[in-house]
Amino acid sequence: MAKKRNVRKYDDPLRHADHARPITRRDFVSQGFLTGSALTLGGGILSLFSNPRAAHAALSSDLQPLLANPCNIATSGAGKIPFIAFDLAGGANIAGSNVLVGQQGGQMDFLSTAGYEKVGLPGDMVPGLNDPLTGLPYANTDFGLAFHSDSAFKRGMEASMSAGRGAQLNGAIIPARSDNDTGNNPHNPLYGIATAGADGSILTLAGSENTDSGGNSMIPAAMMDPELRPTKVDRPSDVTGLVDTGQLVGILGPSDATAVMESIYRISAEKMTNVDAGQTIGASDVVKDMVRCGYLKSADIADRFGATPLDPGLDPMIVGPTGIFTDAEFNGGGRDGSEFRKTASVMKLVINGFAGAAVIEMGGYDYHGGARAEGEVKDFRAGRCMGACIEYAARIGTPLMMYVFSDGSLSSDGTIDNSVDGRGKGEWVSDNSSTAAGFFMVFNPAGRALLRGATPEEQAVHQQIGYFDAGASVQRAATPAANNVNLLVNTVILNYMALHGEEGNFATLFPNHGLGDANLRDSLTAFEQIVSGTIGPLNPT
C-alpha cells in the first residue's frame, strides 16, 4: 500500500524527532517558530527631524562642505559598494541543487552521480545533462555564476528581476563546513564590512533581528565592536522611524524650516567664535561642536529627507504597477508578505546609502525530514528577496554585493518527491555539514564583473573558491575557509575590499586574518576591481 504522507503547511513550525526541543531564540527562528518583531529608533541629541513625506528644501551651498568637515556627517553613505547578507537560519541547501559546486577544476568539474544525489539531484537532472523539456543544459550560467537551471533560488531571483538583468551579474561560491542547527557559527561579516569602510548617512549597520549580529549567526569574536551593533529594521515603520524632524517643518514649511535651522547654526557659530575671542562665556570644544553640528545636521536632514519617501511602501520602484512587488504581495499576509516587507525595508536603507551594510535573517530553513516541496517553496521565497535587492540596485543605479549563508546544510538519500512543488527532486532527510557552502553575487551597472585569471581554467577556480570531492563533501584542506567559519568571513570581506581595489589594505585592517600571504589571498579573490575609490554620491530616493 502507498504510504500516506501527513499534510502540513510549509510555514508551520518544524518539529524534528531527532532535534532537541527548541530553547534559544535561534532554535525557534531556524525551526520557524519565530519570525521576528519590530523596534523603532528615533534621533539623537540636538536633532530636529521632519516628516519624511514633506516637501524638499535646499541647504545653502556654503554650509554643505561643513557637513563632512568638521561635523563628519555622511550625507550619502561612505561611497562604498552597498552590502546585503542573507542569513538563512537552520541549515539551508545552497550547493548543488541551487548554486552548482564541482571538484577541483571549478563548478563545471562535475561531481559523481552519487554525489549529486546527496545534494538532492536525481540522476536524470545532474549537470552535464540537458533538460528534456527545454533542451537546455541543467548547468545554467545566465548569472555568470553557474546555477542549476531549476534552482529555486534562481527561479525566485528571476521572478523579481527585469529580463536580461543577469548580464550585469556575476558571483562566486565558497565550499565551507559549518555547524548544523546553531547560531554559534561566526558567519556574519557585517562588522568587518564596516571596518573596510562601509557606512551610511543615517546609520552604519542594520539587521532584521535585535541581536549583536543583526541576524541568526554570530559576529567573529575578533571583530566585535559595541559601537557597530546593527539597528534593527524589519518593516517599513522601522525605516520611517529612523528620521523624524518634529513639528518645525509642519509649522513653517520645509524651506523656511531649513532656513531657520541654518540661521540657528550661523548664530551659534558666531557666538562660539566670540567665546574664542575672549568673552567670559565658558564652553568646551565638545559643547561647541555639539551646538554647531547639531543644528547643521538638523538643517541637512530637513533638506535631504524632506521630499524623500523613506517608507519603502511609498517607493514606486519597490511597490505598485511598475514595482518589484505588487501591492498584493507587499501588503499581503502570511510569511511571503512579511519577508517581502522586511527585505524592502532593508534594501531601501542600504542601496540608497542610508545604511552601509545589513543582514536579512530568514527563518525556517531547517527543512529536512519532510517533502522536498517545502524546501523548494522556501528557497524560492528567498530567491525572490535576493532578486529584489539586485533589481532595486539596478533601478537606483548602484553596484551591490550580496552574500548568502546558512548554519550548516543537509543531504538527501535519493527518495524522490514527485509533487508539483517537489519537482521530481530528492527529499532532504538529514542535517549534513559536509555539503555546506556560502555564495556571493555582485551586481555591476557597468556590466558583469570580471573574474581574475588569464585563462578560463584559472577563472573557474576563482569563481569556486575551494571544492567538493566527487561524493559531494567539502574538501577541508582546499582553502583556509573550508573548515573555519571565521576565515570564511574573512574571505568574504577580502572579496568586498577587492571590488574597490583595496585588497592590499586587508592585512593592515585585519592583522590576524589567517588567510596567508598575498599570493594565497589572491587565490581566494574572485573578481577584478569594479569601482575606483568611492562610487560617488548615491541618489537618496
Protein backbone atom coordinates (compact mmCIF):
# COMPACT_ATOMS: atom_id res chain seq x y z
CA MET A 1 0.00 0.00 0.00
CA ALA A 2 1.15 3.51 -0.71
CA LYS A 3 2.41 5.35 2.35
CA LYS A 4 0.16 8.28 3.18
CA ARG A 5 2.11 11.46 3.89
CA ASN A 6 0.97 13.79 6.62
CA VAL A 7 -0.05 17.11 5.10
CA ARG A 8 1.41 20.23 6.73
CA LYS A 9 1.64 23.86 5.79
CA TYR A 10 5.15 24.74 4.73
CA ASP A 11 5.42 27.66 7.12
CA ASP A 12 4.25 25.72 10.17
CA PRO A 13 6.99 25.24 12.78
CA LEU A 14 9.38 22.35 12.08
CA ARG A 15 9.24 19.70 14.80
CA HIS A 16 12.06 17.22 14.17
CA ALA A 17 12.08 14.00 16.17
CA ASP A 18 15.91 13.93 16.05
CA HIS A 19 16.23 17.51 17.39
CA ALA A 20 16.06 18.63 21.00
CA ARG A 21 13.15 20.84 21.98
CA PRO A 22 13.93 24.44 20.91
CA ILE A 23 15.18 26.58 23.79
CA THR A 24 17.07 29.57 22.44
CA ARG A 25 15.78 32.34 20.16
CA ARG A 26 17.98 30.92 17.39
CA ASP A 27 16.40 27.47 17.79
CA PHE A 28 12.93 28.98 17.44
CA VAL A 29 13.90 31.02 14.36
CA SER A 30 15.64 28.21 12.48
CA GLN A 31 12.68 25.85 13.02
CA GLY A 32 10.15 28.51 12.06
CA PHE A 33 8.57 29.16 15.46
CA LEU A 34 9.59 32.86 15.37
CA THR A 35 9.72 35.40 12.56
CA GLY A 36 10.98 38.50 14.41
CA SER A 37 9.47 41.64 15.93
CA ALA A 38 9.93 45.35 15.36
CA LEU A 39 11.73 48.14 17.18
CA THR A 40 11.59 51.79 16.19
CA LEU A 41 14.53 54.08 16.94
CA GLY A 42 14.46 57.86 16.95
CA GLY A 43 17.07 60.58 16.57
CA GLY A 44 19.82 61.77 18.88
CA ILE A 45 20.84 64.90 20.76
CA LEU A 46 20.03 68.33 19.31
CA SER A 47 18.27 66.73 16.32
CA LEU A 48 15.27 68.46 14.73
CA PHE A 49 13.86 65.94 12.33
CA SER A 50 10.94 66.17 9.89
CA ASN A 51 8.09 64.29 8.32
CA PRO A 52 9.74 62.27 5.51
CA ARG A 53 6.77 62.96 3.23
CA ALA A 54 7.17 66.77 3.41
CA ALA A 55 8.48 68.91 0.56
CA HIS A 56 12.16 69.46 -0.24
CA ALA A 57 14.29 72.46 0.80
CA ALA A 58 17.79 73.34 -0.30
CA LEU A 59 20.73 73.52 2.10
CA SER A 60 22.92 76.55 1.45
CA SER A 61 25.97 75.76 -0.64
CA ASP A 62 28.41 77.40 1.79
CA LEU A 63 27.32 75.03 4.56
CA GLN A 64 27.48 71.81 2.58
CA PRO A 65 31.28 71.32 2.87
CA LEU A 66 30.99 71.65 6.67
CA LEU A 67 28.85 68.52 6.85
CA ALA A 68 31.85 66.30 6.21
CA ASN A 69 34.45 68.59 7.78
CA PRO A 70 34.39 69.31 10.68
CA CYS A 71 30.99 67.77 11.50
CA ASN A 72 31.70 64.36 9.93
CA ILE A 73 28.14 63.86 8.71
CA ALA A 74 27.90 61.27 5.92
CA THR A 75 25.38 62.74 3.50
CA SER A 76 25.18 59.86 1.03
CA GLY A 77 26.90 56.88 2.57
CA ALA A 78 30.65 56.39 2.59
CA GLY A 79 30.91 55.85 -1.15
CA LYS A 80 31.44 52.10 -0.74
CA ILE A 81 29.51 49.37 -2.52
CA PRO A 82 26.27 48.57 -0.64
CA PHE A 83 26.41 45.15 1.05
CA ILE A 84 23.44 42.93 1.98
CA ALA A 85 23.73 39.47 3.56
CA PHE A 86 21.03 36.80 3.77
CA ASP A 87 21.21 34.62 6.88
CA LEU A 88 19.07 31.52 6.17
CA ALA A 89 18.63 30.16 9.69
CA GLY A 90 18.51 26.39 10.13
CA GLY A 91 20.81 24.84 7.54
CA ALA A 92 19.54 25.54 4.01
CA ASN A 93 20.62 23.85 0.80
CA ILE A 94 22.95 26.14 -1.10
CA ALA A 95 25.41 23.92 -3.01
CA GLY A 96 24.28 21.54 -5.74
CA SER A 97 20.55 21.95 -6.20
CA ASN A 98 20.83 25.75 -6.16
CA VAL A 99 24.35 27.02 -6.90
CA LEU A 100 26.43 24.41 -8.71
CA VAL A 101 29.54 23.14 -6.97
CA GLY A 102 32.21 20.95 -8.53
CA GLN A 103 35.56 19.36 -7.92
CA GLN A 104 39.00 20.94 -8.05
CA GLY A 105 38.55 22.35 -11.56
CA GLY A 106 35.56 24.52 -10.62
CA GLN A 107 31.81 24.39 -10.95
CA MET A 108 31.92 22.55 -14.27
CA ASP A 109 34.27 19.85 -12.94
CA PHE A 110 31.23 17.76 -12.17
CA LEU A 111 30.63 15.51 -9.15
CA SER A 112 29.66 11.85 -9.41
CA THR A 113 26.03 10.86 -9.87
CA ALA A 114 26.02 9.64 -6.26
CA GLY A 115 27.44 12.99 -5.17
CA TYR A 116 24.65 14.89 -6.89
CA GLU A 117 22.10 12.54 -5.35
CA LYS A 118 23.48 13.53 -1.94
CA VAL A 119 22.77 17.21 -2.73
CA GLY A 120 19.25 16.48 -3.90
CA LEU A 121 19.56 15.94 -7.66
CA PRO A 122 18.38 12.65 -9.22
CA GLY A 123 20.47 11.02 -11.92
CA ASP A 124 18.36 12.41 -14.74
CA MET A 125 18.76 16.04 -13.54
CA VAL A 126 22.52 16.23 -12.95
CA PRO A 127 24.67 18.98 -14.50
CA GLY A 128 26.14 17.74 -17.75
CA LEU A 129 22.73 16.62 -18.99
CA ASN A 130 20.10 18.68 -20.79
CA ASP A 131 16.56 19.29 -19.59
CA PRO A 132 14.38 17.14 -21.91
CA LEU A 133 11.57 19.73 -21.79
CA THR A 134 13.66 22.73 -22.84
CA GLY A 135 16.67 21.08 -24.47
CA LEU A 136 18.90 23.43 -22.43
CA PRO A 137 21.71 22.34 -20.09
CA TYR A 138 20.93 21.86 -16.41
CA ALA A 139 24.13 23.84 -15.77
CA ASN A 140 22.95 27.41 -16.34
CA THR A 141 25.32 30.41 -16.44
CA ASP A 142 22.84 33.23 -17.10
CA PHE A 143 24.05 34.94 -13.90
CA GLY A 144 27.76 34.34 -14.55
CA LEU A 145 27.92 32.08 -11.51
CA ALA A 146 26.50 28.70 -12.53
CA PHE A 147 23.16 27.65 -11.03
CA HIS A 148 21.14 24.52 -11.65
CA SER A 149 18.60 25.54 -14.27
CA ASP A 150 15.75 24.51 -11.94
CA SER A 151 17.30 26.12 -8.85
CA ALA A 152 14.62 27.59 -6.60
CA PHE A 153 16.98 30.48 -5.76
CA LYS A 154 17.41 31.18 -9.47
CA ARG A 155 13.71 30.95 -10.27
CA GLY A 156 12.92 33.30 -7.39
CA MET A 157 15.54 35.82 -8.42
CA GLU A 158 14.27 35.84 -11.98
CA ALA A 159 10.73 36.47 -10.72
CA SER A 160 11.93 39.70 -9.04
CA MET A 161 14.35 40.94 -11.69
CA SER A 162 13.85 42.53 -15.09
CA ALA A 163 14.59 40.40 -18.12
CA GLY A 164 18.26 40.40 -19.08
CA ARG A 165 19.46 41.54 -15.65
CA GLY A 166 21.74 38.50 -15.43
CA ALA A 167 24.16 40.13 -17.89
CA GLN A 168 25.12 42.56 -15.09
CA LEU A 169 25.62 39.80 -12.52
CA ASN A 170 28.43 37.52 -11.51
CA GLY A 171 29.26 35.59 -8.37
CA ALA A 172 31.38 33.03 -6.56
CA ILE A 173 30.69 30.05 -4.31
CA ILE A 174 32.84 29.12 -1.30
CA PRO A 175 32.52 25.48 -0.16
CA ALA A 176 32.93 25.65 3.62
CA ARG A 177 31.75 23.48 6.52
CA SER A 178 29.78 24.98 9.40
CA ASP A 179 27.90 23.50 12.34
CA ASN A 180 24.27 22.48 11.89
CA ASP A 181 21.33 24.00 13.74
CA THR A 182 23.20 26.60 15.73
CA GLY A 183 23.58 30.34 15.77
CA ASN A 184 27.05 29.92 17.27
CA ASN A 185 28.71 29.87 13.86
CA PRO A 186 30.55 33.21 13.49
CA HIS A 187 29.18 33.54 9.95
CA ASN A 188 28.22 37.21 9.93
CA PRO A 189 30.65 39.61 8.16
CA LEU A 190 28.90 42.96 8.85
CA TYR A 191 31.38 44.35 11.37
CA GLY A 192 34.27 43.54 9.06
CA ILE A 193 32.46 45.18 6.13
CA ALA A 194 32.08 48.31 8.28
CA THR A 195 35.78 48.15 9.21
CA ALA A 196 36.52 48.04 5.47
CA GLY A 197 34.74 51.40 5.12
CA ALA A 198 31.02 50.76 4.59
CA ASP A 199 28.88 53.42 6.28
CA GLY A 200 25.56 55.17 5.84
CA SER A 201 24.15 58.65 6.15
CA ILE A 202 21.73 57.58 8.92
CA LEU A 203 23.36 54.51 10.43
CA THR A 204 26.30 52.21 9.79
CA LEU A 205 24.73 48.75 10.02
CA ALA A 206 21.20 47.32 10.06
CA GLY A 207 19.81 43.88 10.76
CA SER A 208 16.40 42.29 10.84
CA GLU A 209 16.92 40.83 14.34
CA ASN A 210 17.65 42.55 17.64
CA THR A 211 20.97 40.71 18.17
CA ASP A 212 24.62 41.73 18.23
CA SER A 213 24.95 40.48 14.64
CA GLY A 214 21.56 41.65 13.39
CA GLY A 215 20.78 38.08 12.36
CA ASN A 216 20.95 34.46 13.50
CA SER A 217 24.66 33.61 13.24
CA MET A 218 27.24 35.43 15.34
CA ILE A 219 29.92 38.01 14.56
CA PRO A 220 33.52 36.68 14.77
CA ALA A 221 34.76 37.46 18.27
CA ALA A 222 37.81 39.35 17.00
CA MET A 223 35.56 41.79 15.12
CA MET A 224 33.15 42.63 17.94
CA ASP A 225 32.69 46.35 18.46
CA PRO A 226 29.68 47.51 20.53
CA GLU A 227 29.56 50.79 18.60
CA LEU A 228 28.78 48.88 15.39
CA ARG A 229 25.79 46.94 16.74
CA PRO A 230 23.21 46.89 13.92
CA THR A 231 19.99 48.86 14.25
CA LYS A 232 17.00 46.56 14.00
CA VAL A 233 14.96 47.05 10.82
CA ASP A 234 12.42 44.51 9.63
CA ARG A 235 9.41 46.54 8.45
CA PRO A 236 8.63 49.92 6.85
CA SER A 237 7.77 51.62 10.15
CA ASP A 238 11.31 50.88 11.35
CA VAL A 239 12.68 52.81 8.38
CA THR A 240 10.41 55.83 8.71
CA GLY A 241 11.08 55.87 12.46
CA LEU A 242 14.76 56.50 11.86
CA VAL A 243 14.14 60.07 10.65
CA ASP A 244 11.63 62.33 12.40
CA THR A 245 12.17 66.08 12.20
CA GLY A 246 9.42 67.08 14.62
CA GLN A 247 6.91 69.90 14.19
CA LEU A 248 9.03 72.73 12.81
CA VAL A 249 8.55 71.69 9.17
CA GLY A 250 4.82 71.34 9.68
CA ILE A 251 4.51 74.81 11.20
CA LEU A 252 6.81 76.80 8.87
CA GLY A 253 7.03 74.68 5.77
CA PRO A 254 10.16 72.81 4.67
CA SER A 255 12.00 75.69 3.01
CA ASP A 256 11.51 78.07 5.94
CA ALA A 257 12.36 75.33 8.45
CA THR A 258 15.68 74.68 6.73
CA ALA A 259 16.40 78.41 6.70
CA VAL A 260 15.61 78.73 10.42
CA MET A 261 17.89 75.85 11.35
CA GLU A 262 20.65 77.30 9.16
CA SER A 263 20.23 80.63 10.94
CA ILE A 264 20.48 78.94 14.34
CA TYR A 265 23.68 77.29 13.17
CA ARG A 266 25.14 80.59 11.97
CA ILE A 267 24.21 82.43 15.20
CA SER A 268 25.61 79.59 17.31
CA ALA A 269 28.82 79.53 15.30
CA GLU A 270 29.20 83.32 15.71
CA LYS A 271 28.65 83.07 19.47
CA MET A 272 31.26 80.38 19.74
CA THR A 273 33.66 82.50 17.73
CA ASN A 274 33.12 85.31 20.25
CA VAL A 275 33.88 82.85 23.03
CA ASP A 276 37.17 82.10 21.34
CA ALA A 277 37.80 85.87 21.10
CA GLY A 278 37.92 86.19 24.87
CA GLN A 279 34.39 86.69 26.18
CA THR A 280 33.70 85.31 29.64
CA ILE A 281 31.22 82.66 28.50
CA GLY A 282 32.81 79.27 29.12
CA ALA A 283 32.39 76.47 26.60
CA SER A 284 34.42 73.38 25.84
CA ASP A 285 35.24 72.27 22.32
CA VAL A 286 32.82 69.36 22.76
CA VAL A 287 29.90 71.65 23.56
CA LYS A 288 30.78 73.96 20.68
CA ASP A 289 30.85 71.05 18.26
CA MET A 290 27.52 69.78 19.57
CA VAL A 291 25.86 73.14 19.13
CA ARG A 292 27.33 73.87 15.72
CA CYS A 293 26.99 70.42 14.24
CA GLY A 294 23.70 69.57 15.92
CA TYR A 295 21.84 72.37 14.17
CA LEU A 296 23.74 71.90 10.93
CA LYS A 297 22.83 68.22 10.90
CA SER A 298 19.20 69.16 11.54
CA ALA A 299 19.22 71.51 8.55
CA ASP A 300 20.84 68.85 6.41
CA ILE A 301 18.29 66.19 7.39
CA ALA A 302 15.36 68.51 6.69
CA ASP A 303 16.96 69.25 3.33
CA ARG A 304 17.69 65.67 2.30
CA PHE A 305 14.76 63.78 3.76
CA GLY A 306 12.03 66.37 3.36
CA ALA A 307 11.00 65.04 -0.04
CA THR A 308 12.44 61.54 0.19
CA PRO A 309 9.85 58.80 0.70
CA LEU A 310 11.76 56.73 3.26
CA ASP A 311 8.79 54.38 3.51
CA PRO A 312 9.56 51.57 1.02
CA GLY A 313 5.84 51.05 0.58
CA LEU A 314 5.62 54.53 -0.98
CA ASP A 315 8.51 53.94 -3.38
CA PRO A 316 7.02 53.14 -6.83
CA MET A 317 10.22 51.32 -7.80
CA ILE A 318 9.54 48.85 -4.97
CA VAL A 319 5.73 48.58 -4.77
CA GLY A 320 3.00 49.12 -7.33
CA PRO A 321 2.23 48.59 -11.02
CA THR A 322 5.87 49.09 -12.02
CA GLY A 323 7.37 47.99 -8.72
CA ILE A 324 9.36 44.90 -7.84
CA PHE A 325 6.47 43.71 -5.65
CA THR A 326 2.80 44.12 -6.43
CA ASP A 327 0.59 45.82 -3.86
CA ALA A 328 -0.93 42.42 -3.06
CA GLU A 329 2.46 40.82 -2.49
CA PHE A 330 3.84 43.64 -0.38
CA ASN A 331 0.75 44.17 1.75
CA GLY A 332 -0.33 40.55 1.90
CA GLY A 333 -0.49 38.38 4.97
CA GLY A 334 1.47 35.21 5.65
CA ARG A 335 5.20 34.64 5.51
CA ASP A 336 5.62 35.92 1.93
CA GLY A 337 4.27 39.37 2.79
CA SER A 338 6.34 39.72 5.96
CA GLU A 339 9.56 38.63 4.24
CA PHE A 340 8.95 40.98 1.30
CA ARG A 341 8.34 43.93 3.63
CA LYS A 342 11.43 43.07 5.64
CA THR A 343 13.60 42.84 2.53
CA ALA A 344 12.20 46.05 1.06
CA SER A 345 12.87 47.93 4.30
CA VAL A 346 16.50 46.79 4.48
CA MET A 347 17.29 47.31 0.81
CA LYS A 348 15.73 50.80 0.90
CA LEU A 349 18.24 51.80 3.57
CA VAL A 350 21.35 50.11 2.21
CA ILE A 351 21.06 50.67 -1.52
CA ASN A 352 20.29 54.37 -1.07
CA GLY A 353 23.30 54.82 1.21
CA PHE A 354 21.27 55.44 4.36
CA ALA A 355 23.00 52.37 5.88
CA GLY A 356 26.35 50.94 4.87
CA ALA A 357 25.51 47.23 5.15
CA ALA A 358 22.80 44.97 6.55
CA VAL A 359 21.78 41.38 7.18
CA ILE A 360 18.35 39.90 6.49
CA GLU A 361 17.55 36.86 8.60
CA MET A 362 15.03 34.40 7.19
CA GLY A 363 13.82 31.60 9.47
CA GLY A 364 12.54 28.08 8.94
CA TYR A 365 15.43 26.76 6.81
CA ASP A 366 15.90 23.61 8.91
CA TYR A 367 13.56 21.96 6.37
CA HIS A 368 14.84 18.36 6.29
CA GLY A 369 12.81 15.36 7.35
CA GLY A 370 9.86 16.03 5.07
CA ALA A 371 8.86 16.58 1.48
CA ARG A 372 11.32 18.31 -0.86
CA ALA A 373 8.46 20.64 -1.73
CA GLU A 374 8.85 22.62 1.49
CA GLY A 375 12.49 23.42 0.78
CA GLU A 376 11.69 24.43 -2.79
CA VAL A 377 8.96 26.84 -1.67
CA LYS A 378 11.15 28.45 0.99
CA ASP A 379 14.17 28.66 -1.33
CA PHE A 380 12.02 30.30 -4.00
CA ARG A 381 10.87 32.89 -1.45
CA ALA A 382 14.49 33.59 -0.51
CA GLY A 383 15.30 33.94 -4.20
CA ARG A 384 12.51 36.50 -4.61
CA CYS A 385 14.08 38.55 -1.83
CA MET A 386 17.61 38.22 -3.25
CA GLY A 387 16.40 39.23 -6.70
CA ALA A 388 14.52 42.21 -5.23
CA CYS A 389 17.75 43.59 -3.79
CA ILE A 390 19.55 43.19 -7.12
CA GLU A 391 16.70 44.73 -9.10
CA TYR A 392 16.42 47.70 -6.76
CA ALA A 393 20.17 48.32 -7.01
CA ALA A 394 19.78 48.29 -10.79
CA ARG A 395 16.93 50.79 -10.68
CA ILE A 396 18.88 53.10 -8.36
CA GLY A 397 22.00 52.61 -10.49
CA THR A 398 24.50 51.48 -7.87
CA PRO A 399 26.63 48.33 -7.53
CA LEU A 400 25.70 45.74 -4.90
CA MET A 401 27.43 42.82 -3.20
CA MET A 402 25.00 40.22 -1.85
CA TYR A 403 26.18 37.35 0.38
CA VAL A 404 24.11 34.25 1.26
CA PHE A 405 24.98 31.84 4.08
CA SER A 406 23.38 29.33 6.45
CA ASP A 407 24.32 27.42 9.59
CA GLY A 408 25.25 24.01 8.20
CA SER A 409 23.40 22.24 5.42
CA LEU A 410 21.57 18.98 4.67
CA SER A 411 21.54 15.94 2.41
CA SER A 412 19.23 13.61 0.54
CA ASP A 413 19.02 9.81 0.45
CA GLY A 414 17.70 9.80 -3.11
CA THR A 415 13.99 9.44 -2.29
CA ILE A 416 12.10 11.48 -4.87
CA ASP A 417 9.31 13.96 -4.19
CA ASN A 418 7.16 13.94 -7.33
CA SER A 419 4.64 16.50 -6.08
CA VAL A 420 4.15 19.72 -8.05
CA ASP A 421 6.28 21.71 -5.61
CA GLY A 422 8.75 18.85 -5.14
CA ARG A 423 9.58 18.99 -8.86
CA GLY A 424 10.92 15.44 -9.02
CA LYS A 425 13.96 16.13 -6.80
CA GLY A 426 15.47 14.33 -3.85
CA GLU A 427 13.93 14.76 -0.40
CA TRP A 428 16.04 16.31 2.34
CA VAL A 429 16.35 13.71 5.08
CA SER A 430 19.07 14.88 7.48
CA ASP A 431 21.42 17.66 8.55
CA ASN A 432 24.83 17.40 6.90
CA SER A 433 27.57 19.99 7.47
CA SER A 434 29.80 18.39 4.81
CA THR A 435 27.62 19.78 1.99
CA ALA A 436 27.69 23.37 3.25
CA ALA A 437 28.76 26.46 1.31
CA GLY A 438 28.19 30.20 1.05
CA PHE A 439 27.99 32.30 -2.10
CA PHE A 440 28.00 35.93 -3.09
CA MET A 441 26.67 37.81 -6.08
CA VAL A 442 27.99 41.08 -7.48
CA PHE A 443 25.72 43.42 -9.42
CA ASN A 444 27.59 45.97 -11.53
CA PRO A 445 25.60 48.55 -13.56
CA ALA A 446 28.55 48.89 -15.94
CA GLY A 447 28.49 45.20 -16.86
CA ARG A 448 29.38 41.79 -15.49
CA ALA A 449 32.30 41.81 -13.03
CA LEU A 450 35.40 40.19 -14.50
CA LEU A 451 36.86 37.08 -12.91
CA ARG A 452 40.55 37.06 -12.09
CA GLY A 453 42.78 34.78 -14.13
CA ALA A 454 44.23 34.85 -17.63
CA THR A 455 42.62 31.61 -18.85
CA PRO A 456 39.18 30.01 -18.47
CA GLU A 457 40.76 27.35 -16.24
CA GLU A 458 42.19 29.98 -13.89
CA GLN A 459 38.93 31.92 -13.86
CA ALA A 460 36.99 28.76 -12.94
CA VAL A 461 38.94 28.32 -9.69
CA HIS A 462 38.44 31.98 -8.79
CA GLN A 463 34.69 31.53 -9.24
CA GLN A 464 34.64 28.46 -6.98
CA ILE A 465 36.92 29.21 -4.03
CA GLY A 466 37.58 25.67 -2.80
CA TYR A 467 35.87 22.48 -3.93
CA PHE A 468 33.92 19.31 -3.12
CA ASP A 469 35.13 15.78 -3.66
CA ALA A 470 33.25 13.60 -6.14
CA GLY A 471 30.95 12.38 -3.37
CA ALA A 472 29.78 15.93 -2.51
CA SER A 473 31.77 16.62 0.65
CA VAL A 474 33.73 19.82 1.32
CA GLN A 475 37.47 19.29 0.93
CA ARG A 476 38.68 20.78 4.19
CA ALA A 477 42.26 21.44 3.08
CA ALA A 478 41.26 23.25 -0.12
CA THR A 479 41.19 26.77 1.40
CA PRO A 480 41.58 28.32 4.85
CA ALA A 481 37.83 28.98 4.77
CA ALA A 482 36.81 25.37 4.10
CA ASN A 483 36.94 24.25 7.74
CA ASN A 484 36.93 27.55 9.67
CA VAL A 485 33.89 29.83 9.66
CA ASN A 486 35.94 32.80 10.95
CA LEU A 487 38.14 32.51 7.86
CA LEU A 488 35.09 32.17 5.63
CA VAL A 489 34.02 35.58 6.92
CA ASN A 490 37.49 36.98 6.27
CA THR A 491 37.38 35.61 2.72
CA VAL A 492 34.09 37.41 2.07
CA ILE A 493 35.49 40.69 3.45
CA LEU A 494 38.63 40.29 1.32
CA ASN A 495 36.44 39.96 -1.76
CA TYR A 496 34.42 43.04 -0.78
CA MET A 497 37.62 45.07 -0.50
CA ALA A 498 38.90 43.70 -3.82
CA LEU A 499 35.85 45.11 -5.63
CA HIS A 500 37.19 48.55 -4.58
CA GLY A 501 40.81 47.69 -5.45
CA GLU A 502 41.64 47.85 -1.74
CA GLU A 503 42.64 44.23 -1.04
CA GLY A 504 46.18 45.50 -0.40
CA ASN A 505 44.87 47.09 2.82
CA PHE A 506 43.34 43.85 4.10
CA ALA A 507 46.31 42.69 6.20
CA THR A 508 46.57 46.14 7.81
CA LEU A 509 42.89 46.30 8.79
CA PHE A 510 42.78 42.64 9.85
CA PRO A 511 46.30 41.79 11.06
CA ASN A 512 45.29 38.38 12.47
CA HIS A 513 43.30 37.39 9.39
CA GLY A 514 44.59 33.81 8.87
CA LEU A 515 44.38 33.94 5.07
CA GLY A 516 48.08 33.59 4.38
CA ASP A 517 50.34 35.76 2.25
CA ALA A 518 49.38 37.99 -0.66
CA ASN A 519 49.66 35.15 -3.19
CA LEU A 520 47.30 32.92 -1.24
CA ARG A 521 44.89 35.80 -0.70
CA ASP A 522 44.87 36.44 -4.44
CA SER A 523 43.76 32.83 -4.98
CA LEU A 524 40.85 33.48 -2.60
CA THR A 525 39.69 36.56 -4.53
CA ALA A 526 37.12 36.20 -7.29
CA PHE A 527 36.84 39.49 -9.18
CA GLU A 528 38.78 42.39 -10.55
CA GLN A 529 38.04 45.85 -9.19
CA ILE A 530 34.69 47.29 -10.33
CA VAL A 531 34.79 50.75 -8.69
CA SER A 532 37.58 53.27 -8.31
CA GLY A 533 37.80 55.00 -4.93
CA THR A 534 34.27 55.86 -3.88
CA ILE A 535 31.24 55.32 -6.07
CA GLY A 536 30.11 58.91 -5.79
CA PRO A 537 27.01 60.34 -4.13
CA LEU A 538 24.12 57.93 -4.13
CA ASN A 539 20.69 59.17 -5.10
CA PRO A 540 18.77 59.16 -1.77
CA THR A 541 15.37 58.30 -3.23
